[in-house]
C-alpha atoms as a PDB file:
ATOM      1  CA  MET A   1      -7.249  74.534  17.402  1.00  0.00           C
ATOM      2  CA  SER A   2      -9.177  74.180  21.045  1.00  0.00           C
ATOM      3  CA  ASP A   3      -9.360  71.297  23.242  1.00  0.00           C
ATOM      4  CA  SER A   4     -13.189  71.853  22.550  1.00  0.00           C
ATOM      5  CA  ASP A   5     -12.560  71.052  19.255  1.00  0.00           C
ATOM      6  CA  ASP A   6     -10.880  68.171  19.997  1.00  0.00           C
ATOM      7  CA  TYR A   7     -13.328  66.508  21.488  1.00  0.00           C
ATOM      8  CA  GLU A   8     -16.471  67.507  19.199  1.00  0.00           C
ATOM      9  CA  GLU A   9     -13.807  65.763  16.621  1.00  0.00           C
ATOM     10  CA  MET A  10     -13.635  62.557  18.715  1.00  0.00           C
ATOM     11  CA  LEU A  11     -17.179  62.405  19.625  1.00  0.00           C
ATOM     12  CA  LEU A  12     -18.093  62.977  15.766  1.00  0.00           C
ATOM     13  CA  ASP A  13     -15.625  59.972  14.504  1.00  0.00           C
ATOM     14  CA  HIS A  14     -17.020  57.887  17.406  1.00  0.00           C
ATOM     15  CA  ALA A  15     -20.450  58.543  16.301  1.00  0.00           C
ATOM     16  CA  GLU A  16     -19.630  57.406  12.598  1.00  0.00           C
ATOM     17  CA  SER A  17     -17.878  54.054  14.096  1.00  0.00           C
ATOM     18  CA  VAL A  18     -20.976  53.863  15.714  1.00  0.00           C
ATOM     19  CA  THR A  19     -23.619  54.463  13.499  1.00  0.00           C
ATOM     20  CA  SER A  20     -21.373  52.319  10.799  1.00  0.00           C
ATOM     21  CA  ILE A  21     -21.968  49.016  13.573  1.00  0.00           C
ATOM     22  CA  GLY A  22     -25.738  47.684  13.088  1.00  0.00           C
ATOM     23  CA  VAL A  23     -28.159  44.476  12.341  1.00  0.00           C
ATOM     24  CA  CYS A  24     -27.173  43.492   9.576  1.00  0.00           C
ATOM     25  CA  PRO A  25     -30.100  41.037   8.015  1.00  0.00           C
ATOM     26  CA  MET A  26     -29.549  38.260   5.389  1.00  0.00           C
ATOM     27  CA  CYS A  27     -31.691  35.422   4.351  1.00  0.00           C
ATOM     28  CA  VAL A  28     -30.494  31.205   5.123  1.00  0.00           C
ATOM     29  CA  PRO A  29     -31.631  28.841   1.412  1.00  0.00           C
ATOM     30  CA  THR A  30     -33.612  25.700   2.313  1.00  0.00           C
ATOM     31  CA  GLY A  31     -31.472  22.990   1.971  1.00  0.00           C
ATOM     32  CA  GLN A  32     -28.795  25.283   3.944  1.00  0.00           C
ATOM     33  CA  VAL A  33     -27.181  26.026   7.737  1.00  0.00           C
ATOM     34  CA  GLY A  34     -26.160  29.211   7.942  1.00  0.00           C
ATOM     35  CA  VAL A  35     -22.929  28.483  10.178  1.00  0.00           C
ATOM     36  CA  VAL A  36     -23.122  31.531  13.368  1.00  0.00           C
ATOM     37  CA  GLN A  37     -19.286  32.836  14.414  1.00  0.00           C
ATOM     38  CA  CYS A  38     -18.982  35.443  16.903  1.00  0.00           C
ATOM     39  CA  PHE A  39     -15.328  36.985  17.391  1.00  0.00           C
ATOM     40  CA  GLY A  40     -14.103  33.750  15.098  1.00  0.00           C
ATOM     41  CA  LYS A  41     -15.793  31.578  17.681  1.00  0.00           C
ATOM     42  CA  PHE A  42     -18.143  29.210  16.580  1.00  0.00           C
ATOM     43  CA  GLN A  43     -21.572  29.779  18.425  1.00  0.00           C
ATOM     44  CA  GLY A  44     -23.632  27.000  16.185  1.00  0.00           C
ATOM     45  CA  TYR A  45     -25.648  27.289  13.710  1.00  0.00           C
ATOM     46  CA  VAL A  46     -29.780  28.668  12.199  1.00  0.00           C
ATOM     47  CA  GLU A  47     -32.040  26.756  10.393  1.00  0.00           C
ATOM     48  CA  PRO A  48     -33.194  28.147   6.628  1.00  0.00           C
ATOM     49  CA  GLY A  49     -34.875  31.896   6.672  1.00  0.00           C
ATOM     50  CA  LEU A  50     -34.746  35.233   7.606  1.00  0.00           C
ATOM     51  CA  THR A  51     -31.517  35.845  10.431  1.00  0.00           C
ATOM     52  CA  CYS A  52     -29.582  39.143  11.590  1.00  0.00           C
ATOM     53  CA  PHE A  53     -26.127  39.303  12.279  1.00  0.00           C
ATOM     54  CA  CYS A  54     -23.642  42.260  14.053  1.00  0.00           C
ATOM     55  CA  PRO A  55     -20.793  43.114  11.557  1.00  0.00           C
ATOM     56  CA  PRO A  56     -17.924  42.671  11.949  1.00  0.00           C
ATOM     57  CA  PHE A  57     -18.261  41.211  15.441  1.00  0.00           C
ATOM     58  CA  SER A  58     -20.334  38.647  14.551  1.00  0.00           C
ATOM     59  CA  SER A  59     -20.995  36.423  11.084  1.00  0.00           C
ATOM     60  CA  VAL A  60     -22.923  33.943   9.823  1.00  0.00           C
ATOM     61  CA  GLN A  61     -21.648  31.077   6.657  1.00  0.00           C
ATOM     62  CA  ASN A  62     -23.721  29.427   4.430  1.00  0.00           C
ATOM     63  CA  VAL A  63     -23.371  25.565   4.603  1.00  0.00           C
ATOM     64  CA  SER A  64     -25.247  23.316   2.139  1.00  0.00           C
ATOM     65  CA  LEU A  65     -26.667  20.188   3.567  1.00  0.00           C
ATOM     66  CA  ALA A  66     -27.340  18.623   0.394  1.00  0.00           C
ATOM     67  CA  VAL A  67     -25.834  15.359  -1.567  1.00  0.00           C
ATOM     68  CA  THR A  68     -22.604  16.450  -3.354  1.00  0.00           C
ATOM     69  CA  GLN A  69     -21.180  14.049  -6.106  1.00  0.00           C
ATOM     70  CA  ASN A  70     -17.482  13.922  -6.369  1.00  0.00           C
ATOM     71  CA  VAL A  71     -16.635  12.068  -9.436  1.00  0.00           C
ATOM     72  CA  GLY A  72     -12.327  10.840  -9.684  1.00  0.00           C
ATOM     73  CA  ASN A  73     -10.730   8.620 -11.217  1.00  0.00           C
ATOM     74  CA  THR A  74      -7.862   6.030  -9.944  1.00  0.00           C
ATOM     75  CA  GLU A  75      -5.307   4.237 -12.356  1.00  0.00           C
ATOM     76  CA  CYS A  76      -4.306   1.098 -11.250  1.00  0.00           C
ATOM     77  CA  LYS A  77      -2.679  -2.063 -12.431  1.00  0.00           C
ATOM     78  CA  THR A  78      -4.310  -5.992 -11.878  1.00  0.00           C
ATOM     79  CA  LYS A  79      -2.548  -9.292 -10.811  1.00  0.00           C
ATOM     80  CA  ASP A  80      -1.995  -9.937 -14.818  1.00  0.00           C
ATOM     81  CA  ASN A  81      -0.435  -6.102 -15.396  1.00  0.00           C
ATOM     82  CA  VAL A  82      -3.020  -4.869 -17.057  1.00  0.00           C
ATOM     83  CA  THR A  83      -3.283  -0.422 -16.357  1.00  0.00           C
ATOM     84  CA  LEU A  84      -6.447   0.021 -15.871  1.00  0.00           C
ATOM     85  CA  THR A  85      -8.520   3.136 -15.027  1.00  0.00           C
ATOM     86  CA  ILE A  86     -11.481   2.591 -12.927  1.00  0.00           C
ATOM     87  CA  CYS A  87     -14.179   5.697 -12.538  1.00  0.00           C
ATOM     88  CA  THR A  88     -15.806   6.597  -9.347  1.00  0.00           C
ATOM     89  CA  ALA A  89     -18.883   8.389  -7.921  1.00  0.00           C
ATOM     90  CA  VAL A  90     -19.016   9.147  -4.089  1.00  0.00           C
ATOM     91  CA  GLN A  91     -22.379  10.889  -3.171  1.00  0.00           C
ATOM     92  CA  TYR A  92     -21.599  12.004   0.056  1.00  0.00           C
ATOM     93  CA  LYS A  93     -23.444  15.273   2.901  1.00  0.00           C
ATOM     94  CA  ILE A  94     -22.958  17.472   5.486  1.00  0.00           C
ATOM     95  CA  ASN A  95     -24.306  15.921   9.144  1.00  0.00           C
ATOM     96  CA  LYS A  96     -26.763  18.830  10.609  1.00  0.00           C
ATOM     97  CA  SER A  97     -25.643  17.370  14.247  1.00  0.00           C
ATOM     98  CA  MET A  98     -22.211  18.074  13.574  1.00  0.00           C
ATOM     99  CA  VAL A  99     -22.177  21.187  10.941  1.00  0.00           C
ATOM    100  CA  ARG A 100     -19.455  22.548  13.130  1.00  0.00           C
ATOM    101  CA  GLN A 101     -16.835  19.140  12.425  1.00  0.00           C
ATOM    102  CA  ALA A 102     -17.767  19.570   8.647  1.00  0.00           C
ATOM    103  CA  VAL A 103     -16.947  23.347   8.609  1.00  0.00           C
ATOM    104  CA  PHE A 104     -13.762  24.048  11.056  1.00  0.00           C
ATOM    105  CA  GLU A 105     -12.095  20.385  11.550  1.00  0.00           C
ATOM    106  CA  ILE A 106     -11.542  19.805   7.804  1.00  0.00           C
ATOM    107  CA  ILE A 107     -10.080  21.042   5.078  1.00  0.00           C
ATOM    108  CA  ASN A 108     -10.741  19.929   1.170  1.00  0.00           C
ATOM    109  CA  PRO A 109     -12.775  17.446   2.006  1.00  0.00           C
ATOM    110  CA  GLU A 110     -13.345  16.165  -1.675  1.00  0.00           C
ATOM    111  CA  ALA A 111      -9.733  15.645  -1.941  1.00  0.00           C
ATOM    112  CA  GLN A 112      -8.959  13.435   1.338  1.00  0.00           C
ATOM    113  CA  ILE A 113     -12.697  11.494   0.400  1.00  0.00           C
ATOM    114  CA  GLN A 114     -10.553  10.207  -3.290  1.00  0.00           C
ATOM    115  CA  ALA A 115      -7.494   9.647  -1.619  1.00  0.00           C
ATOM    116  CA  HIS A 116      -9.363   7.222   0.352  1.00  0.00           C
ATOM    117  CA  ILE A 117     -10.920   5.856  -2.754  1.00  0.00           C
ATOM    118  CA  ASP A 118      -7.381   5.870  -4.569  1.00  0.00           C
ATOM    119  CA  ASP A 119      -5.882   3.715  -1.467  1.00  0.00           C
ATOM    120  CA  VAL A 120      -8.949   0.972  -1.314  1.00  0.00           C
ATOM    121  CA  LEU A 121      -8.234   0.302  -4.884  1.00  0.00           C
ATOM    122  CA  ARG A 122      -4.710   0.382  -5.450  1.00  0.00           C
ATOM    123  CA  SER A 123      -4.984  -2.283  -2.124  1.00  0.00           C
ATOM    124  CA  THR A 124      -7.529  -4.070  -3.638  1.00  0.00           C
ATOM    125  CA  VAL A 125      -7.543  -4.666  -7.454  1.00  0.00           C
ATOM    126  CA  PRO A 126      -3.966  -5.722  -7.587  1.00  0.00           C
ATOM    127  CA  THR A 127      -5.226  -8.466  -6.152  1.00  0.00           C
ATOM    128  CA  MET A 128      -7.073  -9.374  -8.667  1.00  0.00           C
ATOM    129  CA  ASP A 129      -7.367 -10.264 -12.768  1.00  0.00           C
ATOM    130  CA  LEU A 130      -8.899  -8.025 -15.181  1.00  0.00           C
ATOM    131  CA  ASP A 131     -11.661 -10.418 -15.447  1.00  0.00           C
ATOM    132  CA  ALA A 132     -12.305 -11.167 -11.953  1.00  0.00           C
ATOM    133  CA  ALA A 133     -12.257  -6.841 -11.340  1.00  0.00           C
ATOM    134  CA  TYR A 134     -15.143  -6.912 -13.627  1.00  0.00           C
ATOM    135  CA  GLU A 135     -16.708  -9.353 -11.749  1.00  0.00           C
ATOM    136  CA  ALA A 136     -15.478  -7.906  -7.899  1.00  0.00           C
ATOM    137  CA  LYS A 137     -17.584  -5.175  -8.683  1.00  0.00           C
ATOM    138  CA  GLU A 138     -19.912  -4.895  -5.732  1.00  0.00           C
ATOM    139  CA  GLN A 139     -16.896  -6.516  -3.773  1.00  0.00           C
ATOM    140  CA  VAL A 140     -14.871  -3.379  -4.248  1.00  0.00           C
ATOM    141  CA  THR A 141     -17.899  -1.374  -3.888  1.00  0.00           C
ATOM    142  CA  ARG A 142     -18.036  -2.792  -0.744  1.00  0.00           C
ATOM    143  CA  SER A 143     -14.784  -2.153   0.673  1.00  0.00           C
ATOM    144  CA  MET A 144     -14.701   1.202   0.073  1.00  0.00           C
ATOM    145  CA  MET A 145     -17.770   2.148   1.170  1.00  0.00           C
ATOM    146  CA  HIS A 146     -16.539   0.712   4.566  1.00  0.00           C
ATOM    147  CA  ALA A 147     -13.319   2.837   4.630  1.00  0.00           C
ATOM    148  CA  VAL A 148     -14.471   5.908   3.802  1.00  0.00           C
ATOM    149  CA  LYS A 149     -17.498   6.412   5.339  1.00  0.00           C
ATOM    150  CA  ALA A 150     -15.274   5.364   9.335  1.00  0.00           C
ATOM    151  CA  ALA A 151     -11.939   7.892   7.811  1.00  0.00           C
ATOM    152  CA  MET A 152     -15.313  10.636   6.672  1.00  0.00           C
ATOM    153  CA  ALA A 153     -17.569  10.561   9.581  1.00  0.00           C
ATOM    154  CA  PRO A 154     -15.491  11.846  12.817  1.00  0.00           C
ATOM    155  CA  TYR A 155     -16.006  15.240  10.262  1.00  0.00           C
ATOM    156  CA  GLY A 156     -20.166  15.197  10.010  1.00  0.00           C
ATOM    157  CA  TYR A 157     -20.023  13.369   6.663  1.00  0.00           C
ATOM    158  CA  GLU A 158     -22.399  10.757   5.550  1.00  0.00           C
ATOM    159  CA  ILE A 159     -21.759   8.806   2.830  1.00  0.00           C
ATOM    160  CA  THR A 160     -24.626   7.753   1.197  1.00  0.00           C
ATOM    161  CA  ASN A 161     -23.802   6.107  -1.828  1.00  0.00           C
ATOM    162  CA  ILE A 162     -20.223   4.798  -3.773  1.00  0.00           C
ATOM    163  CA  LEU A 163     -20.486   4.142  -7.639  1.00  0.00           C
ATOM    164  CA  LEU A 164     -18.096   1.980  -9.322  1.00  0.00           C
ATOM    165  CA  THR A 165     -19.105   3.211 -12.723  1.00  0.00           C
ATOM    166  CA  ASP A 166     -16.490   2.389 -15.270  1.00  0.00           C
ATOM    167  CA  LEU A 167     -13.450   0.366 -15.656  1.00  0.00           C
ATOM    168  CA  ARG A 168     -11.766   1.257 -18.857  1.00  0.00           C
ATOM    169  CA  PRO A 169      -8.364  -0.721 -19.750  1.00  0.00           C
ATOM    170  CA  GLU A 170      -5.499   0.682 -22.109  1.00  0.00           C
ATOM    171  CA  LYS A 171      -6.950   0.764 -25.720  1.00  0.00           C
ATOM    172  CA  HIS A 172      -4.416  -2.012 -26.913  1.00  0.00           C
ATOM    173  CA  VAL A 173      -6.258  -4.413 -23.731  1.00  0.00           C
ATOM    174  CA  LEU A 174      -9.580  -3.509 -24.797  1.00  0.00           C
ATOM    175  CA  ASP A 175      -9.203  -3.945 -28.410  1.00  0.00           C
ATOM    176  CA  ALA A 176      -7.069  -7.785 -28.060  1.00  0.00           C
ATOM    177  CA  MET A 177     -10.468  -8.541 -25.357  1.00  0.00           C
ATOM    178  CA  ASN A 178     -12.958  -7.850 -27.891  1.00  0.00           C
ATOM    179  CA  THR A 179     -10.546 -10.139 -30.411  1.00  0.00           C
ATOM    180  CA  ILE A 180     -10.555 -12.756 -27.975  1.00  0.00           C
ATOM    181  CA  ASN A 181     -14.423 -12.650 -27.772  1.00  0.00           C
ATOM    182  CA  ALA A 182     -14.859 -12.624 -31.195  1.00  0.00           C
ATOM    183  CA  SER A 183     -13.105 -15.821 -31.666  1.00  0.00           C
ATOM    184  CA  ARG A 184     -14.950 -17.076 -28.760  1.00  0.00           C
ATOM    185  CA  ARG A 185     -18.236 -16.568 -30.235  1.00  0.00           C
ATOM    186  CA  GLN A 186     -16.946 -18.085 -33.552  1.00  0.00           C
ATOM    187  CA  ARG A 187     -15.531 -21.040 -31.790  1.00  0.00           C
ATOM    188  CA  GLU A 188     -19.102 -21.551 -29.932  1.00  0.00           C
ATOM    189  CA  ALA A 189     -20.965 -20.877 -33.507  1.00  0.00           C
ATOM    190  CA  ALA A 190     -18.593 -23.096 -35.301  1.00  0.00           C
ATOM    191  CA  MET A 191     -18.885 -25.886 -32.348  1.00  0.00           C
ATOM    192  CA  GLU A 192     -22.952 -25.438 -32.697  1.00  0.00           C
ATOM    193  CA  GLN A 193     -22.726 -25.556 -36.576  1.00  0.00           C
ATOM    194  CA  GLY A 194     -20.850 -28.873 -36.426  1.00  0.00           C
ATOM    195  CA  GLU A 195     -23.780 -30.332 -33.947  1.00  0.00           C
ATOM    196  CA  ALA A 196     -26.079 -29.553 -36.339  1.00  0.00           C
ATOM    197  CA  GLU A 197     -24.563 -31.412 -39.036  1.00  0.00           C
ATOM    198  CA  LYS A 198     -23.681 -33.864 -36.961  1.00  0.00           C
ATOM    199  CA  VAL A 199     -27.437 -34.510 -36.382  1.00  0.00           C
ATOM    200  CA  LEU A 200     -28.292 -33.610 -39.497  1.00  0.00           C
ATOM    201  CA  ARG A 201     -26.279 -37.038 -40.857  1.00  0.00           C
ATOM    202  CA  VAL A 202     -27.269 -39.394 -37.870  1.00  0.00           C
ATOM    203  CA  LYS A 203     -30.863 -38.645 -38.575  1.00  0.00           C
ATOM    204  CA  ALA A 204     -30.393 -38.759 -42.482  1.00  0.00           C
ATOM    205  CA  ALA A 205     -28.353 -42.711 -41.761  1.00  0.00           C
ATOM    206  CA  GLU A 206     -31.466 -43.321 -39.498  1.00  0.00           C
ATOM    207  CA  ALA A 207     -34.428 -42.508 -41.747  1.00  0.00           C
ATOM    208  CA  ASP A 208     -31.703 -44.667 -44.538  1.00  0.00           C
ATOM    209  CA  ALA A 209     -31.360 -47.329 -42.470  1.00  0.00           C
ATOM    210  CA  GLU A 210     -35.164 -47.266 -42.051  1.00  0.00           C
ATOM    211  CA  ALA A 211     -36.028 -47.148 -45.180  1.00  0.00           C
ATOM    212  CA  LYS A 212     -33.304 -49.994 -46.396  1.00  0.00           C
ATOM    213  CA  PHE A 213     -35.076 -52.050 -43.297  1.00  0.00           C
ATOM    214  CA  LEU A 214     -38.813 -51.874 -44.859  1.00  0.00           C
ATOM    215  CA  SER A 215     -37.265 -52.166 -48.546  1.00  0.00           C
ATOM    216  CA  GLY A 216     -36.086 -55.483 -47.520  1.00  0.00           C
ATOM    217  CA  GLN A 217     -39.234 -56.778 -45.776  1.00  0.00           C
ATOM    218  CA  GLY A 218     -40.900 -55.830 -48.703  1.00  0.00           C
ATOM    219  CA  ILE A 219     -38.413 -57.352 -51.063  1.00  0.00           C
ATOM    220  CA  ALA A 220     -38.911 -60.689 -48.895  1.00  0.00           C
ATOM    221  CA  ARG A 221     -42.327 -60.300 -48.629  1.00  0.00           C
ATOM    222  CA  MET A 222     -42.700 -59.698 -52.303  1.00  0.00           C
ATOM    223  CA  ARG A 223     -40.310 -63.041 -52.885  1.00  0.00           C
ATOM    224  CA  LYS A 224     -42.310 -65.452 -50.350  1.00  0.00           C
ATOM    225  CA  ALA A 225     -45.427 -64.301 -52.213  1.00  0.00           C
ATOM    226  CA  VAL A 226     -44.340 -65.037 -55.135  1.00  0.00           C
ATOM    227  CA  ALA A 227     -42.393 -68.245 -54.777  1.00  0.00           C
ATOM    228  CA  GLU A 228     -46.548 -69.003 -52.997  1.00  0.00           C
ATOM    229  CA  GLY A 229     -47.984 -67.656 -56.782  1.00  0.00           C
ATOM    230  CA  PHE A 230     -44.891 -70.779 -58.023  1.00  0.00           C
ATOM    231  CA  ARG A 231     -46.029 -73.252 -55.626  1.00  0.00           C
ATOM    232  CA  ASP A 232     -49.503 -73.494 -56.262  1.00  0.00           C
ATOM    233  CA  SER A 233     -49.084 -72.703 -59.699  1.00  0.00           C
ATOM    234  CA  MET A 234     -47.501 -76.224 -59.758  1.00  0.00           C
ATOM    235  CA  GLN A 235     -50.257 -77.595 -58.175  1.00  0.00           C
ATOM    236  CA  SER A 236     -52.895 -76.806 -59.991  1.00  0.00           C
ATOM    237  CA  MET A 237     -50.686 -77.654 -62.775  1.00  0.00           C
ATOM    238  CA  GLY A 238     -50.234 -81.037 -61.585  1.00  0.00           C
ATOM    239  CA  GLN A 239     -53.507 -81.443 -60.609  1.00  0.00           C
ATOM    240  CA  GLY A 240     -54.444 -80.811 -64.417  1.00  0.00           C
ATOM    241  CA  GLY A 241     -52.204 -83.432 -65.839  1.00  0.00           C
ATOM    242  CA  LEU A 242     -49.016 -81.657 -66.697  1.00  0.00           C
ATOM    243  CA  SER A 243     -45.863 -83.082 -65.599  1.00  0.00           C
ATOM    244  CA  PRO A 244     -43.195 -80.425 -63.355  1.00  0.00           C
ATOM    245  CA  GLN A 245     -41.131 -80.440 -66.092  1.00  0.00           C
ATOM    246  CA  ASP A 246     -43.841 -79.161 -68.660  1.00  0.00           C
ATOM    247  CA  ALA A 247     -45.181 -77.021 -66.067  1.00  0.00           C
ATOM    248  CA  MET A 248     -41.561 -75.176 -65.342  1.00  0.00           C
ATOM    249  CA  HIS A 249     -41.906 -74.797 -69.506  1.00  0.00           C
ATOM    250  CA  MET A 250     -45.301 -73.099 -69.537  1.00  0.00           C
ATOM    251  CA  MET A 251     -44.874 -70.429 -66.619  1.00  0.00           C
ATOM    252  CA  ILE A 252     -41.478 -69.943 -67.549  1.00  0.00           C
ATOM    253  CA  THR A 253     -42.386 -69.510 -71.296  1.00  0.00           C
ATOM    254  CA  THR A 254     -45.546 -67.438 -69.872  1.00  0.00           C
ATOM    255  CA  GLN A 255     -43.239 -65.210 -68.138  1.00  0.00           C
ATOM    256  CA  TYR A 256     -40.927 -64.665 -71.151  1.00  0.00           C
ATOM    257  CA  ILE A 257     -43.823 -63.122 -73.303  1.00  0.00           C
ATOM    258  CA  ASP A 258     -45.087 -61.193 -70.752  1.00  0.00           C
ATOM    259  CA  THR A 259     -41.698 -59.877 -70.655  1.00  0.00           C
ATOM    260  CA  LEU A 260     -41.984 -58.914 -74.301  1.00  0.00           C
ATOM    261  CA  LYS A 261     -44.705 -57.151 -74.212  1.00  0.00           C
ATOM    262  CA  ASP A 262     -43.881 -55.145 -71.067  1.00  0.00           C
ATOM    263  CA  TYR A 263     -40.583 -54.369 -73.876  1.00  0.00           C
ATOM    264  CA  ALA A 264     -42.900 -53.227 -76.368  1.00  0.00           C
ATOM    265  CA  SER A 265     -45.153 -51.655 -74.611  1.00  0.00           C
ATOM    266  CA  SER A 266     -42.659 -49.423 -72.525  1.00  0.00           C
ATOM    267  CA  PRO A 267     -41.331 -45.743 -74.707  1.00  0.00           C
ATOM    268  CA  ASN A 268     -38.213 -46.586 -73.349  1.00  0.00           C
END
C-alpha cells in the first residue's frame, strides 16, 4: 500500500470521527433544571425547555426541583423501657441556586436525612416515658426540623416539612395500654353512676322528709281543729244546760255511733 493510500485512509477515519461529534438537542422538563458539564467540569444549569450539547465533550443532567418525600422508621426506647417504632416523613427539595452542591457534593441525601432523624429521635425520646412521648409530638418535630435543616442546608437541600406520622409501641404494650384505658373508663363510669345514685337517694330522702314535715303539720292542724271543735261543743252543751260529764258522755256516744255507721257502710 502506497503513502497516498495511507493518507486517504487517515482522512476517512478523521472524517468519520468528526461526523460522529455533533450537536445533540434535548428537552428539560418543567420542574427540573439541566445541569451542564463540559469535560466533566460543572458549567451551570439551563432552565426547562429545548437545549443543545455536544457529546462527548459536554453533558446535560436533568435534576428535579419538585418537593420529594422520604419516609422512614426509627426504633428507640422510652424512659420507662418501652420499645417504640416512630414513623416520620421528611419533605424536601433542591435549592436551584445551590444545584451544584446538591448534585456534586453529597451522595445519597435520603440516607443522610434519615440518619439525622434517627439521631434526634434516639437522643430525645429516651428522656420521656411513653405517655409523654405521645404528648411531645410538636416538640420532637421542632427538634428534628432544626437539626435536619442545619445539616442539609449547606448541600442545597431545603427541608420544607417534617411529619411525625405514627408512634407504634410493641403489640403487648399496646394491648396493655388499651386494657388500662378500658379499666379507667369503667372506673369513671362506676363513679359517675354512684354519684347519680347518691343524688337520687339524697333527693328521695329530702322529699320524704319534706312529706313527713308537711304531714306532721297537717296532723297538728287537724288535732288543733278537733280540739277546738270539742271545746266549742262543750261550751254549747254547757250553755244548753248540760253538765260537763253529761256533755262528755254525749260526745263519746255520738262518736261511737258514727264509728259503727262507718264500719257498717265499709265494704271491707
